[in-house]
Amino acid sequence: MPTTFKVIRMAKRGNLLPAEFRQEFLEKNRELKRAARKVVASIATADLKDPTYDGMSSLYYGTASEARAALGDDPSKLEVVCEEMVIAQKGDADQAIKTSGQLKAVRTMIRRKDLTLAQFKDYWLKTRSNIDKRVIAESATQRIVASFALPPEKGGNEPQFDGMVELYFATLEDARAVFGGPLAELMRKDDENFIQADAPAARMIAEEFVL
């Protein structure tokens, strides 16, 4: 599986109206293009009531060290350096997935307490990925992307989450069909094998913009 490295940053809109936040968030992330190889901004839609965050930035770098260098050191902010992998996708995904306004579902994950970061990643890549491939084959899901938090450097802050999944859809109806059907139940059951069920998770239905 091809891998890349990125810094994920989550944001809330505070007192801004949704349209104001959208404009400001996109403008701020366009400015970040000068410092990263690629910037992807995701903005929560109104399709998920009370999303944990209203926006997410993904800043891409060529190496793990470059990504780590861009990581802040403020534990009050959700900012995690990750390794990203495309777990599965349809054959036409590269052509079908839009660079502006692409719909996706996002969820962060905390590993089960008895697992290390390496074990969490190993389970996902060797076992959970088989379910992800079924979801791609048996539903309208276009692509599934996994992000794995890199272990902190000595003296650094622990990442606020251990993994994140992004599921891409052409329409909201496609997403609802997946999350309301048997494949979602299969994923939820498998979550017990490597995800801490009572841990906090950030969730959003978002539009993605490759800037």
Protein backbone atom coordinates (compact mmCIF):
# COMPACT_ATOMS: atom_id res chain seq x y z
CA MET A 1 0.00 0.00 0.00
CA PRO A 2 1.43 3.45 -0.90
CA THR A 3 1.93 5.68 2.13
CA THR A 4 2.31 9.38 2.75
CA PHE A 5 2.69 11.58 5.81
CA LYS A 6 0.47 14.39 7.00
CA VAL A 7 -0.48 16.59 9.91
CA ILE A 8 -4.19 16.52 10.76
CA ARG A 9 -5.66 19.59 12.44
CA MET A 10 -9.24 19.88 13.68
CA ALA A 11 -11.05 23.20 14.09
CA LYS A 12 -14.30 24.52 15.54
CA ARG A 13 -16.14 27.50 14.09
CA GLY A 14 -16.76 29.21 17.42
CA ASN A 15 -18.96 32.28 16.96
CA LEU A 16 -18.72 32.27 13.17
CA LEU A 17 -21.72 31.42 11.07
CA PRO A 18 -21.28 28.27 8.93
CA ALA A 19 -20.79 30.30 5.73
CA GLU A 20 -18.29 32.62 7.44
CA PHE A 21 -16.33 29.69 8.84
CA ARG A 22 -16.29 27.97 5.46
CA GLN A 23 -14.82 31.00 3.71
CA GLU A 24 -12.28 31.76 6.43
CA PHE A 25 -11.20 28.13 6.82
CA LEU A 26 -10.60 27.66 3.10
CA GLU A 27 -8.70 30.93 2.84
CA LYS A 28 -6.44 30.06 5.78
CA ASN A 29 -5.66 26.65 4.37
CA ARG A 30 -4.88 28.00 0.91
CA GLU A 31 -2.19 30.10 2.58
CA LEU A 32 -0.66 26.95 4.07
CA LYS A 33 0.05 25.53 0.61
CA ARG A 34 3.36 27.36 0.60
CA ALA A 35 4.64 25.21 3.48
CA ALA A 36 3.30 21.78 2.49
CA ARG A 37 3.29 19.58 -0.59
CA LYS A 38 -0.50 19.43 -0.57
CA VAL A 39 -3.27 20.78 1.62
CA VAL A 40 -6.73 19.23 1.91
CA ALA A 41 -9.47 21.08 3.78
CA SER A 42 -12.62 19.30 4.92
CA ILE A 43 -15.68 21.21 6.12
CA ALA A 44 -18.49 19.58 8.08
CA THR A 45 -21.89 19.59 6.41
CA ALA A 46 -25.24 19.88 8.14
CA ASP A 47 -25.92 16.19 7.55
CA LEU A 48 -24.52 15.08 10.92
CA LYS A 49 -26.10 16.84 13.88
CA ASP A 50 -23.58 18.51 16.20
CA PRO A 51 -20.32 17.31 14.59
CA THR A 52 -17.39 17.19 17.00
CA TYR A 53 -15.45 19.61 14.79
CA ASP A 54 -16.47 21.91 11.97
CA GLY A 55 -13.30 21.67 9.91
CA MET A 56 -10.28 19.47 9.34
CA SER A 57 -7.00 20.30 7.62
CA SER A 58 -4.61 17.68 6.24
CA LEU A 59 -1.15 19.04 5.41
CA TYR A 60 0.95 16.57 3.40
CA TYR A 61 4.72 16.14 3.51
CA GLY A 62 7.24 13.90 1.80
CA THR A 63 8.74 12.37 4.95
CA ALA A 64 7.78 11.65 8.53
CA SER A 65 10.45 14.04 9.78
CA GLU A 66 9.00 16.91 7.71
CA ALA A 67 5.54 16.19 9.10
CA ARG A 68 6.85 16.03 12.66
CA ALA A 69 8.62 19.37 12.19
CA ALA A 70 5.28 20.95 11.23
CA LEU A 71 3.50 19.57 14.27
CA GLY A 72 2.69 22.05 17.00
CA ASP A 73 3.28 21.38 20.68
CA ASP A 74 0.00 22.62 22.13
CA PRO A 75 -1.88 19.81 23.94
CA SER A 76 -5.05 21.94 23.97
CA LYS A 77 -5.36 21.61 20.18
CA LEU A 78 -6.24 18.49 18.25
CA GLU A 79 -3.26 18.15 15.96
CA VAL A 80 -1.78 14.76 15.07
CA VAL A 81 1.01 13.67 12.73
CA CYS A 82 -0.01 10.57 10.80
CA GLU A 83 0.95 8.07 8.16
CA GLU A 84 -1.82 7.75 5.57
CA MET A 85 -2.71 4.67 3.52
CA VAL A 86 -5.44 4.01 0.98
CA ILE A 87 -6.87 0.73 2.25
CA ALA A 88 -9.25 0.01 -0.63
CA GLN A 89 -10.98 1.80 -3.49
CA LYS A 90 -13.05 1.17 -6.58
CA GLY A 91 -11.23 0.89 -9.87
CA ASP A 92 -12.50 4.27 -11.10
CA ALA A 93 -12.03 6.11 -7.80
CA ASP A 94 -9.18 8.29 -9.01
CA GLN A 95 -11.41 9.65 -11.77
CA ALA A 96 -14.71 9.67 -9.84
CA ILE A 97 -13.58 11.35 -6.63
CA LYS A 98 -13.78 15.12 -6.95
CA THR A 99 -11.12 17.59 -5.88
CA SER A 100 -13.76 20.11 -4.79
CA GLY A 101 -16.79 19.33 -2.66
CA GLN A 102 -16.19 15.57 -2.39
CA LEU A 103 -18.42 13.96 0.25
CA LYS A 104 -16.83 11.79 2.92
CA ALA A 105 -17.41 10.46 6.42
CA VAL A 106 -14.64 10.93 9.00
CA ARG A 107 -14.09 9.21 12.34
CA THR A 108 -11.13 9.20 14.72
CA MET A 109 -10.31 6.18 16.86
CA ILE A 110 -8.54 5.35 20.12
CA ARG A 111 -6.92 1.93 20.28
CA ARG A 112 -7.99 -0.70 22.77
CA LYS A 113 -6.10 -0.29 26.02
CA ASP A 114 -4.29 -3.61 25.73
CA LEU A 115 -2.84 -2.78 22.29
CA THR A 116 0.23 -0.80 21.34
CA LEU A 117 0.15 1.64 18.43
CA ALA A 118 2.01 -0.94 16.35
CA GLN A 119 -0.49 -3.70 17.21
CA PHE A 120 -3.42 -1.39 16.45
CA LYS A 121 -1.99 -0.62 13.02
CA ASP A 122 -1.08 -4.26 12.37
CA TYR A 123 -4.62 -5.43 13.12
CA TRP A 124 -6.13 -2.83 10.81
CA LEU A 125 -3.82 -3.63 7.92
CA LYS A 126 -3.98 -7.42 8.24
CA THR A 127 -7.55 -8.03 9.44
CA ARG A 128 -9.80 -4.96 9.35
CA SER A 129 -8.67 -4.22 5.82
CA ASN A 130 -10.47 -7.37 4.64
CA ILE A 131 -13.76 -5.90 5.88
CA ASP A 132 -12.91 -2.55 4.30
CA LYS A 133 -12.39 -4.32 0.97
CA ARG A 134 -15.80 -5.96 1.33
CA VAL A 135 -17.36 -2.55 1.94
CA ILE A 136 -15.81 -1.29 -1.29
CA ALA A 137 -16.90 -4.38 -3.25
CA GLU A 138 -20.43 -4.63 -1.84
CA SER A 139 -21.51 -1.00 -1.51
CA ALA A 140 -21.30 2.38 -3.22
CA THR A 141 -18.34 3.43 -1.06
CA GLN A 142 -15.68 4.80 -3.40
CA ARG A 143 -12.56 4.79 -1.24
CA ILE A 144 -11.46 4.02 2.32
CA VAL A 145 -8.41 5.79 3.72
CA ALA A 146 -6.74 5.01 7.05
CA SER A 147 -4.46 7.37 8.96
CA PHE A 148 -2.24 6.04 11.74
CA ALA A 149 -0.78 8.35 14.37
CA LEU A 150 2.99 8.20 14.55
CA PRO A 151 4.46 7.45 17.99
CA PRO A 152 5.48 10.64 19.79
CA GLU A 153 9.12 11.60 19.92
CA LYS A 154 10.83 11.41 23.28
CA GLY A 155 9.27 13.99 25.57
CA GLY A 156 6.49 14.80 23.09
CA ASN A 157 2.77 14.79 23.69
CA GLU A 158 0.81 11.58 23.13
CA PRO A 159 -1.40 11.85 20.02
CA GLN A 160 -5.04 12.70 20.73
CA PHE A 161 -6.15 9.76 18.61
CA ASP A 162 -4.50 6.61 17.27
CA GLY A 163 -6.23 6.30 13.92
CA MET A 164 -8.69 7.94 11.59
CA VAL A 165 -10.84 6.52 8.82
CA GLU A 166 -12.25 8.41 5.85
CA LEU A 167 -14.95 6.83 3.68
CA TYR A 168 -15.73 8.53 0.36
CA PHE A 169 -19.19 8.61 -1.23
CA ALA A 170 -20.75 10.13 -4.33
CA THR A 171 -23.98 11.03 -2.52
CA LEU A 172 -25.38 11.32 0.99
CA GLU A 173 -27.86 8.57 0.09
CA ASP A 174 -24.96 6.21 -0.59
CA ALA A 175 -23.49 7.00 2.82
CA ARG A 176 -26.81 6.43 4.57
CA ALA A 177 -27.24 3.09 2.81
CA VAL A 178 -23.87 1.91 4.10
CA PHE A 179 -24.21 3.16 7.67
CA GLY A 180 -27.76 1.84 7.95
CA GLY A 181 -27.03 -1.59 6.55
CA PRO A 182 -25.36 -4.90 7.45
CA LEU A 183 -21.87 -3.77 6.45
CA ALA A 184 -21.96 -1.10 9.14
CA GLU A 185 -22.92 -3.72 11.70
CA LEU A 186 -20.00 -5.86 10.54
CA MET A 187 -17.64 -2.92 11.01
CA ARG A 188 -19.07 -2.08 14.43
CA LYS A 189 -18.62 -5.67 15.59
CA ASP A 190 -15.02 -5.72 14.41
CA ASP A 191 -14.35 -2.41 16.19
CA GLU A 192 -14.40 -4.38 19.44
CA ASN A 193 -11.20 -6.16 18.38
CA PHE A 194 -9.00 -3.07 18.27
CA ILE A 195 -10.89 0.12 19.21
CA GLN A 196 -11.70 1.40 22.70
CA ALA A 197 -15.49 1.61 22.63
CA ASP A 198 -15.93 4.19 25.41
CA ALA A 199 -13.18 6.53 24.20
CA PRO A 200 -14.11 9.92 22.71
CA ALA A 201 -14.17 10.11 18.92
CA ALA A 202 -14.39 12.99 16.47
CA ARG A 203 -16.97 12.43 13.73
CA MET A 204 -18.11 14.46 10.78
CA ILE A 205 -19.77 14.24 7.40
CA ALA A 206 -17.68 16.61 5.34
CA GLU A 207 -17.00 18.12 1.96
CA GLU A 208 -13.37 17.79 0.94
CA PHE A 209 -11.40 20.39 -1.00
CA VAL A 210 -7.94 19.69 -2.43
CA LEU A 211 -6.37 23.14 -2.40
